[in-house]
Amino acid sequence: MKNRLTQLIQLLTLTPLDEHRFCGQSEDLGLPQVFGGQIVAQSLAAAMQKVALERHLHSCHSYFIKAGEVGVPIIYHTEILRQGNSFTVVNVNATQHNHLLARTMASFQREETGFSHQVKMPNVAEPAAFASENQLIYALAAHLPPKLKAIFQTERPFDVRIKYPNNPFEPQRLPAEQQIWAKVNGEAPQDVRLHQCLAAYFSDFHCILTMLHPHARSVMQPTMRIATLDHSMWFHRAFDFNQWLLFALDSPNAYAGRGITRGQVFNPQGELLFSYQQEGLIREMPPENRAGKK
């Protein structure tokens, strides 16, 4: 297992404080706030501590209330809302300094059989035909201040290939979609719940980027005020994030300073593994007003 992947798995491994509370560290990705994908993934890790292994996570819904402070531990407060014959529902509140950062509800289901259908996987090129996002990021590091440069040049926990590469300093107008092949950069232990948490973490990376495609804007531009408002996921089938997975994203709407991105994720055999959707704040304003509240 490579070092950066090891660090991410450690980040998703929470410390129990008591029966209902768990503590997670927060990493510095060079953002002004804690990365939303980290909070979703750690919230799921906390919820999983409360549910028997024979019940599988099938959905989660997160609302982001307040930006998290980088470098400060996050406390996850769990509460079982329903313990039924088939389903268990857990509420998780993520807090710093006793302030609520995000609220996640996660639902788990015992395994059962039933009807089955799915959409077809898009016809896309193999991963080798797409641009390496990691190589693009390394190339951009030369244009960054020292702290961000060091972060951009570190090993990354995922190997990512993208159909539509875009320079965040000189963004081009692109279709309101993205296709991504991704897998962990190394070898993660064979643990279904761990792979769901890793996928939740990764799923936050390209949502707002895709919303901005048709507007030739990027998260790096000083006039852009961006934030994740909510993030939902539905897990359909078990998957192995050590293997290439196709993330097919599209943004059907942006209006009134908000945008939506939808994602469907397939394995190379064409099985739909999980789906997700995010609404984000994408507000353009003069630089002097950028620090305003969402």
Protein backbone atom coordinates (compact mmCIF):
# COMPACT_ATOMS: atom_id res chain seq x y z
CA MET A 1 0.00 0.00 0.00
CA LYS A 2 1.38 3.42 -0.90
CA ASN A 3 1.97 5.99 1.82
CA ARG A 4 -0.67 8.58 0.83
CA LEU A 5 -3.36 5.91 0.62
CA THR A 6 -2.28 4.64 4.03
CA GLN A 7 -2.65 8.16 5.42
CA LEU A 8 -6.15 8.48 3.95
CA ILE A 9 -7.26 5.17 5.43
CA GLN A 10 -5.90 6.30 8.80
CA LEU A 11 -7.85 9.55 8.40
CA LEU A 12 -11.03 7.51 7.92
CA THR A 13 -10.29 5.41 11.02
CA LEU A 14 -11.99 7.20 13.91
CA THR A 15 -11.13 7.13 17.62
CA PRO A 16 -14.05 6.13 19.90
CA LEU A 17 -14.67 8.64 22.71
CA ASP A 18 -17.64 6.81 24.20
CA GLU A 19 -20.52 4.65 22.98
CA HIS A 20 -21.95 7.36 20.74
CA ARG A 21 -19.09 9.77 19.91
CA PHE A 22 -16.07 9.35 17.65
CA CYS A 23 -13.16 11.65 16.89
CA GLY A 24 -11.64 12.18 13.45
CA GLN A 25 -8.63 14.24 12.43
CA SER A 26 -8.87 16.80 9.62
CA GLU A 27 -6.34 17.07 6.82
CA ASP A 28 -4.97 20.14 5.06
CA LEU A 29 -5.57 20.01 1.30
CA GLY A 30 -4.74 23.68 0.84
CA LEU A 31 -8.41 24.68 1.03
CA PRO A 32 -9.72 27.45 3.32
CA GLN A 33 -11.99 24.88 5.01
CA VAL A 34 -12.12 21.15 5.69
CA PHE A 35 -12.76 19.15 2.50
CA GLY A 36 -16.42 18.13 2.34
CA GLY A 37 -15.63 14.63 1.09
CA GLN A 38 -13.64 14.03 4.27
CA ILE A 39 -16.63 14.97 6.45
CA VAL A 40 -19.01 12.72 4.48
CA ALA A 41 -16.59 9.78 4.59
CA GLN A 42 -15.85 10.17 8.30
CA SER A 43 -19.56 10.54 9.06
CA LEU A 44 -20.18 7.23 7.30
CA ALA A 45 -17.31 5.64 9.21
CA ALA A 46 -18.94 6.78 12.46
CA ALA A 47 -22.38 5.49 11.42
CA MET A 48 -20.87 2.13 10.48
CA GLN A 49 -19.62 1.71 14.05
CA LYS A 50 -23.23 1.53 15.21
CA VAL A 51 -24.55 -1.05 12.73
CA ALA A 52 -24.01 -4.83 12.49
CA LEU A 53 -21.87 -5.98 9.57
CA GLU A 54 -24.70 -7.98 8.01
CA ARG A 55 -26.49 -4.70 7.24
CA HIS A 56 -25.07 -2.82 4.28
CA LEU A 57 -25.00 0.93 3.72
CA HIS A 58 -27.41 1.73 0.88
CA SER A 59 -27.86 5.50 1.12
CA CYS A 60 -26.66 8.64 2.85
CA HIS A 61 -27.65 12.29 2.76
CA SER A 62 -25.42 15.09 4.10
CA TYR A 63 -26.18 18.76 4.67
CA PHE A 64 -23.27 21.12 5.23
CA ILE A 65 -24.09 23.78 7.82
CA LYS A 66 -20.80 25.51 8.61
CA ALA A 67 -17.27 25.40 7.17
CA GLY A 68 -14.85 23.23 9.14
CA GLU A 69 -11.56 24.54 10.52
CA VAL A 70 -8.52 22.83 9.00
CA GLY A 71 -6.28 21.04 11.49
CA VAL A 72 -8.90 20.86 14.25
CA PRO A 73 -10.31 17.41 15.18
CA ILE A 74 -13.96 16.77 14.34
CA ILE A 75 -16.30 15.05 16.80
CA TYR A 76 -18.99 12.80 15.30
CA HIS A 77 -22.10 12.31 17.44
CA THR A 78 -24.18 9.27 16.43
CA GLU A 79 -27.80 8.40 17.16
CA ILE A 80 -29.76 5.38 15.93
CA LEU A 81 -33.09 6.71 14.65
CA ARG A 82 -34.56 3.39 13.52
CA GLN A 83 -33.71 -0.24 14.19
CA GLY A 84 -36.17 -2.25 12.11
CA ASN A 85 -36.33 -5.80 10.81
CA SER A 86 -34.71 -4.77 7.53
CA PHE A 87 -33.32 -1.26 7.95
CA THR A 88 -31.21 0.70 10.42
CA VAL A 89 -31.03 4.49 10.15
CA VAL A 90 -28.27 6.46 11.89
CA ASN A 91 -27.96 10.23 12.31
CA VAL A 92 -24.45 11.68 12.56
CA ASN A 93 -23.69 15.26 13.62
CA ALA A 94 -20.17 16.50 12.82
CA THR A 95 -19.00 19.24 15.21
CA GLN A 96 -15.99 21.43 16.01
CA HIS A 97 -15.87 23.60 19.16
CA ASN A 98 -19.46 22.41 19.83
CA HIS A 99 -20.61 24.01 16.55
CA LEU A 100 -22.48 21.87 14.02
CA LEU A 101 -20.57 21.52 10.74
CA ALA A 102 -22.68 18.93 8.94
CA ARG A 103 -25.51 16.48 9.50
CA THR A 104 -25.59 13.10 7.78
CA MET A 105 -28.27 10.45 7.81
CA ALA A 106 -27.18 6.98 6.72
CA SER A 107 -29.43 3.99 6.09
CA PHE A 108 -28.38 0.34 6.21
CA GLN A 109 -30.31 -2.69 4.93
CA ARG A 110 -30.03 -6.40 5.56
CA GLU A 111 -29.21 -8.32 2.38
CA GLU A 112 -32.20 -9.52 0.38
CA THR A 113 -33.22 -10.41 -3.17
CA GLY A 114 -35.64 -8.48 -5.37
CA PHE A 115 -36.26 -6.89 -8.76
CA SER A 116 -33.23 -5.78 -10.74
CA HIS A 117 -32.64 -3.33 -13.60
CA GLN A 118 -30.14 -0.57 -14.37
CA VAL A 119 -29.13 2.00 -16.98
CA LYS A 120 -26.48 1.09 -19.54
CA MET A 121 -22.90 2.12 -18.98
CA PRO A 122 -21.77 4.94 -21.32
CA ASN A 123 -19.56 3.93 -24.22
CA VAL A 124 -16.20 5.43 -23.21
CA ALA A 125 -12.52 4.95 -23.99
CA GLU A 126 -10.21 2.91 -21.77
CA PRO A 127 -8.41 4.67 -18.86
CA ALA A 128 -5.14 4.83 -20.82
CA ALA A 129 -6.84 7.04 -23.43
CA PHE A 130 -7.78 9.69 -20.87
CA ALA A 131 -5.50 12.39 -19.45
CA SER A 132 -3.82 11.67 -16.12
CA GLU A 133 -5.17 14.21 -13.63
CA ASN A 134 -2.24 13.56 -11.31
CA GLN A 135 0.25 14.56 -14.02
CA LEU A 136 -1.78 17.68 -14.81
CA ILE A 137 -1.77 18.67 -11.14
CA TYR A 138 2.00 18.19 -10.88
CA ALA A 139 2.44 20.46 -13.91
CA LEU A 140 0.25 23.18 -12.39
CA ALA A 141 2.19 23.17 -9.11
CA ALA A 142 4.83 25.49 -10.57
CA HIS A 143 2.24 28.31 -10.65
CA LEU A 144 1.32 28.01 -6.95
CA PRO A 145 2.65 29.60 -3.74
CA PRO A 146 5.06 27.38 -1.72
CA LYS A 147 2.47 25.84 0.65
CA LEU A 148 0.04 24.89 -2.11
CA LYS A 149 2.91 23.79 -4.34
CA ALA A 150 4.05 21.29 -1.70
CA ILE A 151 0.51 19.91 -1.37
CA PHE A 152 0.02 19.60 -5.13
CA GLN A 153 3.34 17.79 -5.56
CA THR A 154 2.69 15.15 -2.91
CA GLU A 155 1.62 11.63 -3.83
CA ARG A 156 -2.13 11.33 -4.29
CA PRO A 157 -4.34 8.53 -2.89
CA PHE A 158 -6.20 8.01 -6.18
CA ASP A 159 -5.14 7.35 -9.76
CA VAL A 160 -7.46 9.55 -11.83
CA ARG A 161 -7.93 9.78 -15.62
CA ILE A 162 -10.31 12.42 -16.99
CA LYS A 163 -11.96 12.99 -20.36
CA TYR A 164 -12.05 16.79 -20.12
CA PRO A 165 -8.88 18.18 -18.51
CA ASN A 166 -9.07 21.90 -17.73
CA ASN A 167 -6.48 24.40 -16.54
CA PRO A 168 -8.00 26.00 -13.40
CA PHE A 169 -5.98 29.18 -13.99
CA GLU A 170 -7.20 29.52 -17.59
CA PRO A 171 -10.46 27.53 -17.66
CA GLN A 172 -12.05 26.73 -21.00
CA ARG A 173 -15.76 26.40 -21.74
CA LEU A 174 -16.60 22.68 -21.71
CA PRO A 175 -19.72 20.49 -21.84
CA ALA A 176 -21.63 20.24 -18.55
CA GLU A 177 -20.33 16.72 -18.01
CA GLN A 178 -17.24 14.74 -17.10
CA GLN A 179 -16.13 11.13 -17.44
CA ILE A 180 -13.52 9.85 -15.04
CA TRP A 181 -11.73 6.55 -14.58
CA ALA A 182 -10.46 6.26 -11.01
CA LYS A 183 -9.04 3.73 -8.56
CA VAL A 184 -7.03 3.90 -5.38
CA ASN A 185 -3.33 4.58 -5.87
CA GLY A 186 -2.07 1.38 -4.27
CA GLU A 187 -3.91 -1.55 -2.70
CA ALA A 188 -6.66 -1.01 -0.14
CA PRO A 189 -7.74 -3.86 2.19
CA GLN A 190 -10.73 -5.88 0.97
CA ASP A 191 -13.36 -4.29 3.20
CA VAL A 192 -16.71 -3.31 1.67
CA ARG A 193 -17.33 -0.54 4.17
CA LEU A 194 -13.85 0.95 3.75
CA HIS A 195 -14.29 1.06 -0.02
CA GLN A 196 -17.63 2.85 0.43
CA CYS A 197 -15.94 5.47 2.63
CA LEU A 198 -13.11 5.91 0.11
CA ALA A 199 -15.69 6.34 -2.67
CA ALA A 200 -17.61 8.90 -0.59
CA TYR A 201 -14.40 10.87 -0.04
CA PHE A 202 -13.51 10.82 -3.74
CA SER A 203 -17.03 11.62 -4.98
CA ASP A 204 -16.81 15.22 -3.74
CA PHE A 205 -13.81 16.18 -5.89
CA HIS A 206 -15.35 16.83 -9.33
CA CYS A 207 -18.93 17.89 -8.62
CA ILE A 208 -18.45 21.66 -8.49
CA LEU A 209 -15.78 21.49 -11.20
CA THR A 210 -18.37 19.93 -13.53
CA MET A 211 -20.99 22.58 -12.67
CA LEU A 212 -18.52 25.26 -13.77
CA HIS A 213 -17.63 23.64 -17.11
CA PRO A 214 -20.18 25.48 -19.31
CA HIS A 215 -19.31 28.83 -17.70
CA ALA A 216 -15.52 28.72 -18.23
CA ARG A 217 -14.92 29.23 -14.51
CA SER A 218 -12.84 27.35 -11.94
CA VAL A 219 -12.55 27.02 -8.18
CA MET A 220 -9.10 28.67 -8.36
CA GLN A 221 -10.41 32.02 -9.59
CA PRO A 222 -10.50 34.70 -6.85
CA THR A 223 -13.94 35.95 -7.92
CA MET A 224 -15.58 32.56 -7.32
CA ARG A 225 -17.31 31.74 -4.05
CA ILE A 226 -17.92 27.98 -3.97
CA ALA A 227 -19.16 25.55 -1.33
CA THR A 228 -20.88 22.18 -1.11
CA LEU A 229 -24.45 22.60 0.15
CA ASP A 230 -25.55 18.97 0.27
CA HIS A 231 -24.34 15.58 -0.96
CA SER A 232 -26.32 12.35 -1.36
CA MET A 233 -25.22 8.83 -2.32
CA TRP A 234 -27.02 5.56 -3.11
CA PHE A 235 -25.04 2.32 -3.03
CA HIS A 236 -26.48 -0.36 -5.32
CA ARG A 237 -23.86 -3.15 -5.52
CA ALA A 238 -20.62 -4.07 -3.77
CA PHE A 239 -17.46 -2.86 -5.52
CA ASP A 240 -13.68 -2.94 -5.37
CA PHE A 241 -12.04 0.49 -5.57
CA ASN A 242 -8.69 -1.22 -6.23
CA GLN A 243 -10.03 -1.68 -9.78
CA TRP A 244 -10.82 1.03 -12.31
CA LEU A 245 -14.31 2.51 -11.87
CA LEU A 246 -16.02 4.82 -14.35
CA PHE A 247 -17.54 7.99 -12.85
CA ALA A 248 -20.03 9.43 -15.37
CA LEU A 249 -20.99 12.95 -14.27
CA ASP A 250 -23.35 15.54 -15.69
CA SER A 251 -24.68 18.87 -14.44
CA PRO A 252 -28.32 19.30 -15.57
CA ASN A 253 -28.89 22.72 -14.03
CA ALA A 254 -27.33 25.86 -12.59
CA TYR A 255 -29.48 28.77 -11.44
CA ALA A 256 -29.59 31.45 -8.73
CA GLY A 257 -26.01 30.84 -7.62
CA ARG A 258 -26.47 27.09 -7.23
CA GLY A 259 -25.66 24.11 -9.42
CA ILE A 260 -26.33 20.37 -9.39
CA THR A 261 -24.10 17.52 -10.48
CA ARG A 262 -25.22 13.89 -10.81
CA GLY A 263 -22.87 10.93 -10.87
CA GLN A 264 -23.28 7.28 -11.88
CA VAL A 265 -20.43 4.87 -11.22
CA PHE A 266 -19.80 1.63 -13.12
CA ASN A 267 -17.26 -1.17 -13.04
CA PRO A 268 -15.61 -2.26 -16.33
CA GLN A 269 -18.23 -5.03 -16.64
CA GLY A 270 -20.95 -2.37 -16.94
CA GLU A 271 -22.60 -2.87 -13.54
CA LEU A 272 -24.01 0.27 -11.92
CA LEU A 273 -22.34 0.33 -8.49
CA PHE A 274 -23.50 3.56 -6.89
CA SER A 275 -25.04 6.93 -7.74
CA TYR A 276 -24.66 10.34 -6.17
CA GLN A 277 -25.83 13.91 -6.46
CA GLN A 278 -24.56 17.20 -5.09
CA GLU A 279 -25.87 20.74 -4.95
CA GLY A 280 -23.19 23.39 -4.69
CA LEU A 281 -22.90 27.13 -4.29
CA ILE A 282 -21.27 28.65 -7.40
CA ARG A 283 -21.42 32.38 -6.88
CA GLU A 284 -19.30 34.93 -8.74
CA MET A 285 -18.51 38.16 -6.93
CA PRO A 286 -15.91 40.93 -6.80
CA PRO A 287 -12.68 39.85 -5.04
CA GLU A 288 -13.22 42.21 -2.09
CA ASN A 289 -16.51 40.46 -1.23
CA ARG A 290 -15.32 36.88 -1.60
CA ALA A 291 -15.11 36.22 2.15
CA GLY A 292 -18.85 36.72 2.59
CA LYS A 293 -21.11 34.04 4.08
CA LYS A 294 -22.91 31.50 1.89
